Amino acid sequence: APGKEREFVAAISWTGSSTYYPDSVKGRSTISRDNAKN
């Protein structure tokens, strides 16, 4: 955001087996991937 530091939102592993969220978005956001669609 303007005037603020870059903030982590979500991460997902190569296989999709692991995900992680900070408390600011936990329960509201979901990261996913479709490797076949890049």
PDB file of all heavy atoms in Angstrom:
ATOM      1  N   ALA A   1       0.841  -1.182   0.000  1.00  0.00           N
ATOM      2  CA  ALA A   1       0.000   0.000   0.000  1.00  0.00           C
ATOM      3  C   ALA A   1       0.884   1.243   0.000  1.00  0.00           C
ATOM      4  O   ALA A   1       2.045   1.189   0.430  1.00  0.00           O
ATOM      5  CB  ALA A   1      -0.916   0.005   1.218  1.00  0.00           C
ATOM      6  N   PRO A   2       0.371   2.390  -0.462  1.00  0.00           N
ATOM      7  CA  PRO A   2       1.173   3.609  -0.489  1.00  0.00           C
ATOM      8  C   PRO A   2       1.739   3.954   0.880  1.00  0.00           C
ATOM      9  O   PRO A   2       1.017   3.960   1.877  1.00  0.00           O
ATOM     10  CB  PRO A   2       0.186   4.674  -0.962  1.00  0.00           C
ATOM     11  CG  PRO A   2      -0.816   3.916  -1.767  1.00  0.00           C
ATOM     12  CD  PRO A   2      -0.964   2.597  -1.062  1.00  0.00           C
ATOM     13  N   GLY A   3       3.037   4.224   0.937  1.00  0.00           N
ATOM     14  CA  GLY A   3       3.683   4.603   2.172  1.00  0.00           C
ATOM     15  C   GLY A   3       3.964   3.465   3.131  1.00  0.00           C
ATOM     16  O   GLY A   3       4.441   3.714   4.243  1.00  0.00           O
ATOM     17  N   LYS A   4       3.688   2.229   2.728  1.00  0.00           N
ATOM     18  CA  LYS A   4       3.905   1.085   3.602  1.00  0.00           C
ATOM     19  C   LYS A   4       4.887   0.100   2.994  1.00  0.00           C
ATOM     20  O   LYS A   4       5.129   0.100   1.783  1.00  0.00           O
ATOM     21  CB  LYS A   4       2.586   0.379   3.899  1.00  0.00           C
ATOM     22  CG  LYS A   4       1.606   1.197   4.725  1.00  0.00           C
ATOM     23  CD  LYS A   4       0.417   0.360   5.151  1.00  0.00           C
ATOM     24  CE  LYS A   4      -0.505   1.141   6.064  1.00  0.00           C
ATOM     25  NZ  LYS A   4      -1.651   0.310   6.521  1.00  0.00           N
ATOM     26  N   GLU A   5       5.444  -0.737   3.843  1.00  0.00           N
ATOM     27  CA  GLU A   5       6.353  -1.773   3.396  1.00  0.00           C
ATOM     28  C   GLU A   5       5.591  -2.896   2.710  1.00  0.00           C
ATOM     29  O   GLU A   5       4.395  -3.092   2.928  1.00  0.00           O
ATOM     30  CB  GLU A   5       7.148  -2.330   4.575  1.00  0.00           C
ATOM     31  CG  GLU A   5       8.051  -1.326   5.270  1.00  0.00           C
ATOM     32  CD  GLU A   5       9.172  -0.872   4.380  1.00  0.00           C
ATOM     33  OE1 GLU A   5       9.744  -1.714   3.652  1.00  0.00           O
ATOM     34  OE2 GLU A   5       9.496   0.327   4.397  1.00  0.00           O
ATOM     35  N   ARG A   6       6.292  -3.637   1.881  1.00  0.00           N
ATOM     36  CA  ARG A   6       5.702  -4.790   1.230  1.00  0.00           C
ATOM     37  C   ARG A   6       5.331  -5.839   2.279  1.00  0.00           C
ATOM     38  O   ARG A   6       6.109  -6.127   3.189  1.00  0.00           O
ATOM     39  CB  ARG A   6       6.677  -5.362   0.209  1.00  0.00           C
ATOM     40  CG  ARG A   6       6.099  -6.441  -0.677  1.00  0.00           C
ATOM     41  CD  ARG A   6       6.938  -6.596  -1.933  1.00  0.00           C
ATOM     42  NE  ARG A   6       8.340  -6.777  -1.619  1.00  0.00           N
ATOM     43  CZ  ARG A   6       9.336  -6.538  -2.467  1.00  0.00           C
ATOM     44  NH1 ARG A   6       9.064  -6.080  -3.683  1.00  0.00           N
ATOM     45  NH2 ARG A   6      10.586  -6.743  -2.102  1.00  0.00           N
ATOM     46  N   GLU A   7       4.161  -6.423   2.141  1.00  0.00           N
ATOM     47  CA  GLU A   7       3.604  -7.322   3.140  1.00  0.00           C
ATOM     48  C   GLU A   7       3.323  -8.692   2.529  1.00  0.00           C
ATOM     49  O   GLU A   7       2.730  -8.802   1.453  1.00  0.00           O
ATOM     50  CB  GLU A   7       2.315  -6.731   3.720  1.00  0.00           C
ATOM     51  CG  GLU A   7       1.620  -7.604   4.747  1.00  0.00           C
ATOM     52  CD  GLU A   7       0.277  -7.042   5.165  1.00  0.00           C
ATOM     53  OE1 GLU A   7      -0.255  -6.160   4.457  1.00  0.00           O
ATOM     54  OE2 GLU A   7      -0.248  -7.479   6.211  1.00  0.00           O
ATOM     55  N   PHE A   8       3.701  -9.716   3.234  1.00  0.00           N
ATOM     56  CA  PHE A   8       3.418 -11.090   2.822  1.00  0.00           C
ATOM     57  C   PHE A   8       1.929 -11.382   2.949  1.00  0.00           C
ATOM     58  O   PHE A   8       1.299 -11.021   3.942  1.00  0.00           O
ATOM     59  CB  PHE A   8       4.226 -12.061   3.681  1.00  0.00           C
ATOM     60  CG  PHE A   8       3.819 -13.490   3.530  1.00  0.00           C
ATOM     61  CD1 PHE A   8       4.124 -14.199   2.377  1.00  0.00           C
ATOM     62  CD2 PHE A   8       3.137 -14.139   4.541  1.00  0.00           C
ATOM     63  CE1 PHE A   8       3.753 -15.518   2.233  1.00  0.00           C
ATOM     64  CE2 PHE A   8       2.767 -15.459   4.408  1.00  0.00           C
ATOM     65  CZ  PHE A   8       3.074 -16.148   3.251  1.00  0.00           C
ATOM     66  N   VAL A   9       1.375 -12.065   1.948  1.00  0.00           N
ATOM     67  CA  VAL A   9      -0.048 -12.381   1.924  1.00  0.00           C
ATOM     68  C   VAL A   9      -0.303 -13.885   1.951  1.00  0.00           C
ATOM     69  O   VAL A   9      -1.173 -14.366   2.685  1.00  0.00           O
ATOM     70  CB  VAL A   9      -0.735 -11.760   0.694  1.00  0.00           C
ATOM     71  CG1 VAL A   9      -2.202 -12.165   0.638  1.00  0.00           C
ATOM     72  CG2 VAL A   9      -0.609 -10.241   0.728  1.00  0.00           C
ATOM     73  N   ALA A  10       0.422 -14.637   1.124  1.00  0.00           N
ATOM     74  CA  ALA A  10       0.184 -16.078   1.044  1.00  0.00           C
ATOM     75  C   ALA A  10       1.331 -16.736   0.299  1.00  0.00           C
ATOM     76  O   ALA A  10       2.018 -16.104  -0.501  1.00  0.00           O
ATOM     77  CB  ALA A  10      -1.142 -16.384   0.337  1.00  0.00           C
ATOM     78  N   ALA A  11       1.530 -18.022   0.548  1.00  0.00           N
ATOM     79  CA  ALA A  11       2.542 -18.794  -0.166  1.00  0.00           C
ATOM     80  C   ALA A  11       2.051 -20.213  -0.373  1.00  0.00           C
ATOM     81  O   ALA A  11       1.260 -20.739   0.420  1.00  0.00           O
ATOM     82  CB  ALA A  11       3.863 -18.797   0.601  1.00  0.00           C
ATOM     83  N   ILE A  12       2.550 -20.836  -1.438  1.00  0.00           N
ATOM     84  CA  ILE A  12       2.189 -22.209  -1.750  1.00  0.00           C
ATOM     85  C   ILE A  12       3.411 -22.920  -2.301  1.00  0.00           C
ATOM     86  O   ILE A  12       4.206 -22.347  -3.044  1.00  0.00           O
ATOM     87  CB  ILE A  12       1.006 -22.261  -2.746  1.00  0.00           C
ATOM     88  CG1 ILE A  12       0.503 -23.691  -2.932  1.00  0.00           C
ATOM     89  CG2 ILE A  12       1.388 -21.634  -4.083  1.00  0.00           C
ATOM     90  CD1 ILE A  12      -0.838 -23.761  -3.651  1.00  0.00           C
ATOM     91  N   SER A  13       3.570 -24.177  -1.930  1.00  0.00           N
ATOM     92  CA  SER A  13       4.715 -24.949  -2.371  1.00  0.00           C
ATOM     93  C   SER A  13       4.552 -25.394  -3.815  1.00  0.00           C
ATOM     94  O   SER A  13       3.483 -25.272  -4.425  1.00  0.00           O
ATOM     95  CB  SER A  13       4.912 -26.163  -1.460  1.00  0.00           C
ATOM     96  OG  SER A  13       3.805 -27.043  -1.549  1.00  0.00           O
ATOM     97  N   TRP A  14       5.630 -25.932  -4.357  1.00  0.00           N
ATOM     98  CA  TRP A  14       5.658 -26.386  -5.749  1.00  0.00           C
ATOM     99  C   TRP A  14       4.553 -27.387  -6.047  1.00  0.00           C
ATOM    100  O   TRP A  14       3.876 -27.303  -7.082  1.00  0.00           O
ATOM    101  CB  TRP A  14       7.060 -26.958  -6.010  1.00  0.00           C
ATOM    102  CG  TRP A  14       7.177 -27.960  -7.112  1.00  0.00           C
ATOM    103  CD1 TRP A  14       6.563 -27.938  -8.328  1.00  0.00           C
ATOM    104  CD2 TRP A  14       8.003 -29.119  -7.110  1.00  0.00           C
ATOM    105  NE1 TRP A  14       6.960 -29.013  -9.083  1.00  0.00           N
ATOM    106  CE2 TRP A  14       7.847 -29.757  -8.355  1.00  0.00           C
ATOM    107  CE3 TRP A  14       8.869 -29.678  -6.172  1.00  0.00           C
ATOM    108  CZ2 TRP A  14       8.519 -30.923  -8.684  1.00  0.00           C
ATOM    109  CZ3 TRP A  14       9.550 -30.843  -6.501  1.00  0.00           C
ATOM    110  CH2 TRP A  14       9.373 -31.449  -7.740  1.00  0.00           C
ATOM    111  N   THR A  15       4.337 -28.340  -5.153  1.00  0.00           N
ATOM    112  CA  THR A  15       3.329 -29.370  -5.365  1.00  0.00           C
ATOM    113  C   THR A  15       1.931 -28.945  -4.924  1.00  0.00           C
ATOM    114  O   THR A  15       0.958 -29.628  -5.245  1.00  0.00           O
ATOM    115  CB  THR A  15       3.701 -30.640  -4.605  1.00  0.00           C
ATOM    116  OG1 THR A  15       3.710 -30.369  -3.198  1.00  0.00           O
ATOM    117  CG2 THR A  15       5.071 -31.147  -5.035  1.00  0.00           C
ATOM    118  N   GLY A  16       1.836 -27.841  -4.187  1.00  0.00           N
ATOM    119  CA  GLY A  16       0.571 -27.436  -3.610  1.00  0.00           C
ATOM    120  C   GLY A  16       0.259 -28.116  -2.294  1.00  0.00           C
ATOM    121  O   GLY A  16      -0.817 -27.895  -1.731  1.00  0.00           O
ATOM    122  N   SER A  17       1.179 -28.926  -1.796  1.00  0.00           N
ATOM    123  CA  SER A  17       0.936 -29.657  -0.568  1.00  0.00           C
ATOM    124  C   SER A  17       0.995 -28.772   0.673  1.00  0.00           C
ATOM    125  O   SER A  17       0.434 -29.140   1.708  1.00  0.00           O
ATOM    126  CB  SER A  17       1.946 -30.797  -0.431  1.00  0.00           C
ATOM    127  OG  SER A  17       3.270 -30.303  -0.341  1.00  0.00           O
ATOM    128  N   SER A  18       1.679 -27.622   0.586  1.00  0.00           N
ATOM    129  CA  SER A  18       1.835 -26.731   1.727  1.00  0.00           C
ATOM    130  C   SER A  18       1.386 -25.325   1.357  1.00  0.00           C
ATOM    131  O   SER A  18       1.702 -24.829   0.269  1.00  0.00           O
ATOM    132  CB  SER A  18       3.287 -26.693   2.202  1.00  0.00           C
ATOM    133  OG  SER A  18       3.732 -27.980   2.599  1.00  0.00           O
ATOM    134  N   THR A  19       0.670 -24.677   2.264  1.00  0.00           N
ATOM    135  CA  THR A  19       0.293 -23.274   2.125  1.00  0.00           C
ATOM    136  C   THR A  19       0.492 -22.573   3.452  1.00  0.00           C
ATOM    137  O   THR A  19       0.547 -23.217   4.508  1.00  0.00           O
ATOM    138  CB  THR A  19      -1.162 -23.099   1.674  1.00  0.00           C
ATOM    139  OG1 THR A  19      -2.033 -23.704   2.641  1.00  0.00           O
ATOM    140  CG2 THR A  19      -1.398 -23.750   0.316  1.00  0.00           C
ATOM    141  N   TYR A  20       0.590 -21.242   3.401  1.00  0.00           N
ATOM    142  CA  TYR A  20       0.762 -20.470   4.623  1.00  0.00           C
ATOM    143  C   TYR A  20       0.171 -19.086   4.444  1.00  0.00           C
ATOM    144  O   TYR A  20       0.286 -18.481   3.375  1.00  0.00           O
ATOM    145  CB  TYR A  20       2.237 -20.353   5.005  1.00  0.00           C
ATOM    146  CG  TYR A  20       2.440 -19.886   6.420  1.00  0.00           C
ATOM    147  CD1 TYR A  20       2.430 -20.794   7.472  1.00  0.00           C
ATOM    148  CD2 TYR A  20       2.623 -18.534   6.719  1.00  0.00           C
ATOM    149  CE1 TYR A  20       2.596 -20.370   8.777  1.00  0.00           C
ATOM    150  CE2 TYR A  20       2.785 -18.110   8.020  1.00  0.00           C
ATOM    151  CZ  TYR A  20       2.774 -19.034   9.045  1.00  0.00           C
ATOM    152  OH  TYR A  20       2.938 -18.614  10.334  1.00  0.00           O
ATOM    153  N   TYR A  21      -0.460 -18.563   5.520  1.00  0.00           N
ATOM    154  CA  TYR A  21      -1.089 -17.253   5.508  1.00  0.00           C
ATOM    155  C   TYR A  21      -0.792 -16.517   6.810  1.00  0.00           C
ATOM    156  O   TYR A  21      -0.776 -17.130   7.873  1.00  0.00           O
ATOM    157  CB  TYR A  21      -2.608 -17.362   5.376  1.00  0.00           C
ATOM    158  CG  TYR A  21      -3.086 -18.252   4.263  1.00  0.00           C
ATOM    159  CD1 TYR A  21      -3.309 -19.606   4.475  1.00  0.00           C
ATOM    160  CD2 TYR A  21      -3.325 -17.734   2.996  1.00  0.00           C
ATOM    161  CE1 TYR A  21      -3.758 -20.429   3.451  1.00  0.00           C
ATOM    162  CE2 TYR A  21      -3.776 -18.546   1.971  1.00  0.00           C
ATOM    163  CZ  TYR A  21      -3.991 -19.889   2.206  1.00  0.00           C
ATOM    164  OH  TYR A  21      -4.441 -20.695   1.180  1.00  0.00           O
ATOM    165  N   PRO A  22      -0.604 -15.204   6.742  1.00  0.00           N
ATOM    166  CA  PRO A  22      -0.511 -14.426   7.981  1.00  0.00           C
ATOM    167  C   PRO A  22      -1.897 -14.212   8.571  1.00  0.00           C
ATOM    168  O   PRO A  22      -2.925 -14.423   7.907  1.00  0.00           O
ATOM    169  CB  PRO A  22       0.105 -13.106   7.505  1.00  0.00           C
ATOM    170  CG  PRO A  22      -0.412 -12.955   6.108  1.00  0.00           C
ATOM    171  CD  PRO A  22      -0.470 -14.352   5.546  1.00  0.00           C
ATOM    172  N   ASP A  23      -1.946 -13.776   9.831  1.00  0.00           N
ATOM    173  CA  ASP A  23      -3.222 -13.586  10.505  1.00  0.00           C
ATOM    174  C   ASP A  23      -4.097 -12.541   9.819  1.00  0.00           C
ATOM    175  O   ASP A  23      -5.328 -12.608   9.920  1.00  0.00           O
ATOM    176  CB  ASP A  23      -2.989 -13.185  11.960  1.00  0.00           C
ATOM    177  CG  ASP A  23      -2.469 -14.326  12.805  1.00  0.00           C
ATOM    178  OD1 ASP A  23      -2.599 -15.497  12.384  1.00  0.00           O
ATOM    179  OD2 ASP A  23      -1.936 -14.061  13.894  1.00  0.00           O
ATOM    180  N   SER A  24      -3.489 -11.595   9.121  1.00  0.00           N
ATOM    181  CA  SER A  24      -4.248 -10.531   8.497  1.00  0.00           C
ATOM    182  C   SER A  24      -5.212 -11.026   7.421  1.00  0.00           C
ATOM    183  O   SER A  24      -6.216 -10.371   7.141  1.00  0.00           O
ATOM    184  CB  SER A  24      -3.306  -9.477   7.912  1.00  0.00           C
ATOM    185  OG  SER A  24      -2.430 -10.053   6.956  1.00  0.00           O
ATOM    186  N   VAL A  25      -4.910 -12.172   6.806  1.00  0.00           N
ATOM    187  CA  VAL A  25      -5.762 -12.702   5.746  1.00  0.00           C
ATOM    188  C   VAL A  25      -6.255 -14.108   6.030  1.00  0.00           C
ATOM    189  O   VAL A  25      -7.106 -14.616   5.290  1.00  0.00           O
ATOM    190  CB  VAL A  25      -5.045 -12.686   4.380  1.00  0.00           C
ATOM    191  CG1 VAL A  25      -4.581 -11.284   4.033  1.00  0.00           C
ATOM    192  CG2 VAL A  25      -3.880 -13.667   4.373  1.00  0.00           C
ATOM    193  N   LYS A  26      -5.748 -14.744   7.072  1.00  0.00           N
ATOM    194  CA  LYS A  26      -6.126 -16.117   7.379  1.00  0.00           C
ATOM    195  C   LYS A  26      -7.634 -16.233   7.577  1.00  0.00           C
ATOM    196  O   LYS A  26      -8.244 -15.439   8.282  1.00  0.00           O
ATOM    197  CB  LYS A  26      -5.386 -16.590   8.627  1.00  0.00           C
ATOM    198  CG  LYS A  26      -5.519 -18.084   8.912  1.00  0.00           C
ATOM    199  CD  LYS A  26      -4.711 -18.468  10.142  1.00  0.00           C
ATOM    200  CE  LYS A  26      -3.238 -18.169   9.944  1.00  0.00           C
ATOM    201  NZ  LYS A  26      -2.432 -18.551  11.140  1.00  0.00           N
ATOM    202  N   GLY A  27      -8.220 -17.220   6.930  1.00  0.00           N
ATOM    203  CA  GLY A  27      -9.652 -17.422   7.007  1.00  0.00           C
ATOM    204  C   GLY A  27     -10.428 -16.674   5.949  1.00  0.00           C
ATOM    205  O   GLY A  27     -11.615 -16.962   5.743  1.00  0.00           O
ATOM    206  N   ARG A  28      -9.803 -15.717   5.275  1.00  0.00           N
ATOM    207  CA  ARG A  28     -10.463 -14.930   4.236  1.00  0.00           C
ATOM    208  C   ARG A  28      -9.869 -15.173   2.854  1.00  0.00           C
ATOM    209  O   ARG A  28     -10.532 -14.882   1.855  1.00  0.00           O
ATOM    210  CB  ARG A  28     -10.379 -13.435   4.540  1.00  0.00           C
ATOM    211  CG  ARG A  28     -11.033 -13.029   5.845  1.00  0.00           C
ATOM    212  CD  ARG A  28     -11.098 -11.513   5.985  1.00  0.00           C
ATOM    213  NE  ARG A  28      -9.773 -10.905   6.039  1.00  0.00           N
ATOM    214  CZ  ARG A  28      -9.332  -9.993   5.186  1.00  0.00           C
ATOM    215  NH1 ARG A  28     -10.121  -9.571   4.197  1.00  0.00           N
ATOM    216  NH2 ARG A  28      -8.120  -9.480   5.316  1.00  0.00           N
ATOM    217  N   SER A  29      -8.648 -15.672   2.798  1.00  0.00           N
ATOM    218  CA  SER A  29      -7.946 -15.832   1.533  1.00  0.00           C
ATOM    219  C   SER A  29      -7.485 -17.267   1.342  1.00  0.00           C
ATOM    220  O   SER A  29      -7.192 -17.969   2.312  1.00  0.00           O
ATOM    221  CB  SER A  29      -6.742 -14.896   1.456  1.00  0.00           C
ATOM    222  OG  SER A  29      -7.150 -13.540   1.521  1.00  0.00           O
ATOM    223  N   THR A  30      -7.405 -17.676   0.073  1.00  0.00           N
ATOM    224  CA  THR A  30      -6.941 -19.010  -0.270  1.00  0.00           C
ATOM    225  C   THR A  30      -6.032 -18.926  -1.487  1.00  0.00           C
ATOM    226  O   THR A  30      -6.417 -18.371  -2.518  1.00  0.00           O
ATOM    227  CB  THR A  30      -8.105 -19.958  -0.583  1.00  0.00           C
ATOM    228  OG1 THR A  30      -8.989 -20.028   0.539  1.00  0.00           O
ATOM    229  CG2 THR A  30      -7.577 -21.355  -0.891  1.00  0.00           C
ATOM    230  N   ILE A  31      -4.828 -19.461  -1.365  1.00  0.00           N
ATOM    231  CA  ILE A  31      -3.919 -19.545  -2.490  1.00  0.00           C
ATOM    232  C   ILE A  31      -4.009 -20.946  -3.080  1.00  0.00           C
ATOM    233  O   ILE A  31      -4.117 -21.936  -2.354  1.00  0.00           O
ATOM    234  CB  ILE A  31      -2.469 -19.202  -2.083  1.00  0.00           C
ATOM    235  CG1 ILE A  31      -1.560 -19.123  -3.307  1.00  0.00           C
ATOM    236  CG2 ILE A  31      -1.927 -20.186  -1.061  1.00  0.00           C
ATOM    237  CD1 ILE A  31      -0.169 -18.579  -3.003  1.00  0.00           C
ATOM    238  N   SER A  32      -3.974 -21.031  -4.396  1.00  0.00           N
ATOM    239  CA  SER A  32      -4.030 -22.315  -5.075  1.00  0.00           C
ATOM    240  C   SER A  32      -3.234 -22.227  -6.368  1.00  0.00           C
ATOM    241  O   SER A  32      -2.851 -21.139  -6.802  1.00  0.00           O
ATOM    242  CB  SER A  32      -5.481 -22.733  -5.354  1.00  0.00           C
ATOM    243  OG  SER A  32      -6.119 -21.794  -6.199  1.00  0.00           O
ATOM    244  N   ARG A  33      -2.991 -23.367  -6.980  1.00  0.00           N
ATOM    245  CA  ARG A  33      -2.257 -23.360  -8.238  1.00  0.00           C
ATOM    246  C   ARG A  33      -2.742 -24.479  -9.137  1.00  0.00           C
ATOM    247  O   ARG A  33      -3.232 -25.513  -8.676  1.00  0.00           O
ATOM    248  CB  ARG A  33      -0.744 -23.483  -7.997  1.00  0.00           C
ATOM    249  CG  ARG A  33      -0.297 -24.811  -7.402  1.00  0.00           C
ATOM    250  CD  ARG A  33       1.161 -24.733  -6.958  1.00  0.00           C
ATOM    251  NE  ARG A  33       2.057 -24.446  -8.068  1.00  0.00           N
ATOM    252  CZ  ARG A  33       3.286 -23.945  -7.944  1.00  0.00           C
ATOM    253  NH1 ARG A  33       3.766 -23.666  -6.727  1.00  0.00           N
ATOM    254  NH2 ARG A  33       4.035 -23.724  -9.018  1.00  0.00           N
ATOM    255  N   ASP A  34      -2.597 -24.255 -10.419  1.00  0.00           N
ATOM    256  CA  ASP A  34      -2.907 -25.246 -11.431  1.00  0.00           C
ATOM    257  C   ASP A  34      -1.682 -25.325 -12.332  1.00  0.00           C
ATOM    258  O   ASP A  34      -1.512 -24.505 -13.239  1.00  0.00           O
ATOM    259  CB  ASP A  34      -4.155 -24.859 -12.220  1.00  0.00           C
ATOM    260  CG  ASP A  34      -4.601 -25.947 -13.174  1.00  0.00           C
ATOM    261  OD1 ASP A  34      -3.784 -26.814 -13.543  1.00  0.00           O
ATOM    262  OD2 ASP A  34      -5.783 -25.934 -13.571  1.00  0.00           O
ATOM    263  N   ASN A  35      -0.820 -26.281 -12.063  1.00  0.00           N
ATOM    264  CA  ASN A  35       0.434 -26.365 -12.802  1.00  0.00           C
ATOM    265  C   ASN A  35       0.225 -26.669 -14.281  1.00  0.00           C
ATOM    266  O   ASN A  35       1.030 -26.264 -15.118  1.00  0.00           O
ATOM    267  CB  ASN A  35       1.341 -27.419 -12.165  1.00  0.00           C
ATOM    268  CG  ASN A  35       1.908 -26.969 -10.836  1.00  0.00           C
ATOM    269  OD1 ASN A  35       1.818 -25.798 -10.475  1.00  0.00           O
ATOM    270  ND2 ASN A  35       2.489 -27.893 -10.095  1.00  0.00           N
ATOM    271  N   ALA A  36      -0.843 -27.378 -14.608  1.00  0.00           N
ATOM    272  CA  ALA A  36      -1.139 -27.667 -16.004  1.00  0.00           C
ATOM    273  C   ALA A  36      -1.459 -26.403 -16.781  1.00  0.00           C
ATOM    274  O   ALA A  36      -1.245 -26.340 -17.995  1.00  0.00           O
ATOM    275  CB  ALA A  36      -2.290 -28.659 -16.113  1.00  0.00           C
ATOM    276  N   LYS A  37      -1.981 -25.370 -16.095  1.00  0.00           N
ATOM    277  CA  LYS A  37      -2.308 -24.097 -16.724  1.00  0.00           C
ATOM    278  C   LYS A  37      -1.265 -23.022 -16.445  1.00  0.00           C
ATOM    279  O   LYS A  37      -1.448 -21.875 -16.857  1.00  0.00           O
ATOM    280  CB  LYS A  37      -3.674 -23.613 -16.253  1.00  0.00           C
ATOM    281  CG  LYS A  37      -4.823 -24.516 -16.654  1.00  0.00           C
ATOM    282  CD  LYS A  37      -6.155 -23.963 -16.175  1.00  0.00           C
ATOM    283  CE  LYS A  37      -7.305 -24.845 -16.617  1.00  0.00           C
ATOM    284  NZ  LYS A  37      -8.614 -24.323 -16.150  1.00  0.00           N
ATOM    285  N   ASN A  38      -0.202 -23.369 -15.745  1.00  0.00           N
ATOM    286  CA  ASN A  38       0.866 -22.419 -15.408  1.00  0.00           C
ATOM    287  C   ASN A  38       0.322 -21.183 -14.703  1.00  0.00           C
ATOM    288  O   ASN A  38       0.720 -20.051 -14.992  1.00  0.00           O
ATOM    289  CB  ASN A  38       1.638 -22.003 -16.659  1.00  0.00           C
ATOM    290  CG  ASN A  38       2.457 -23.132 -17.241  1.00  0.00           C
ATOM    291  OD1 ASN A  38       2.762 -24.116 -16.572  1.00  0.00           O
ATOM    292  ND2 ASN A  38       2.825 -22.996 -18.502  1.00  0.00           N
TER     293      ASN A  38
END
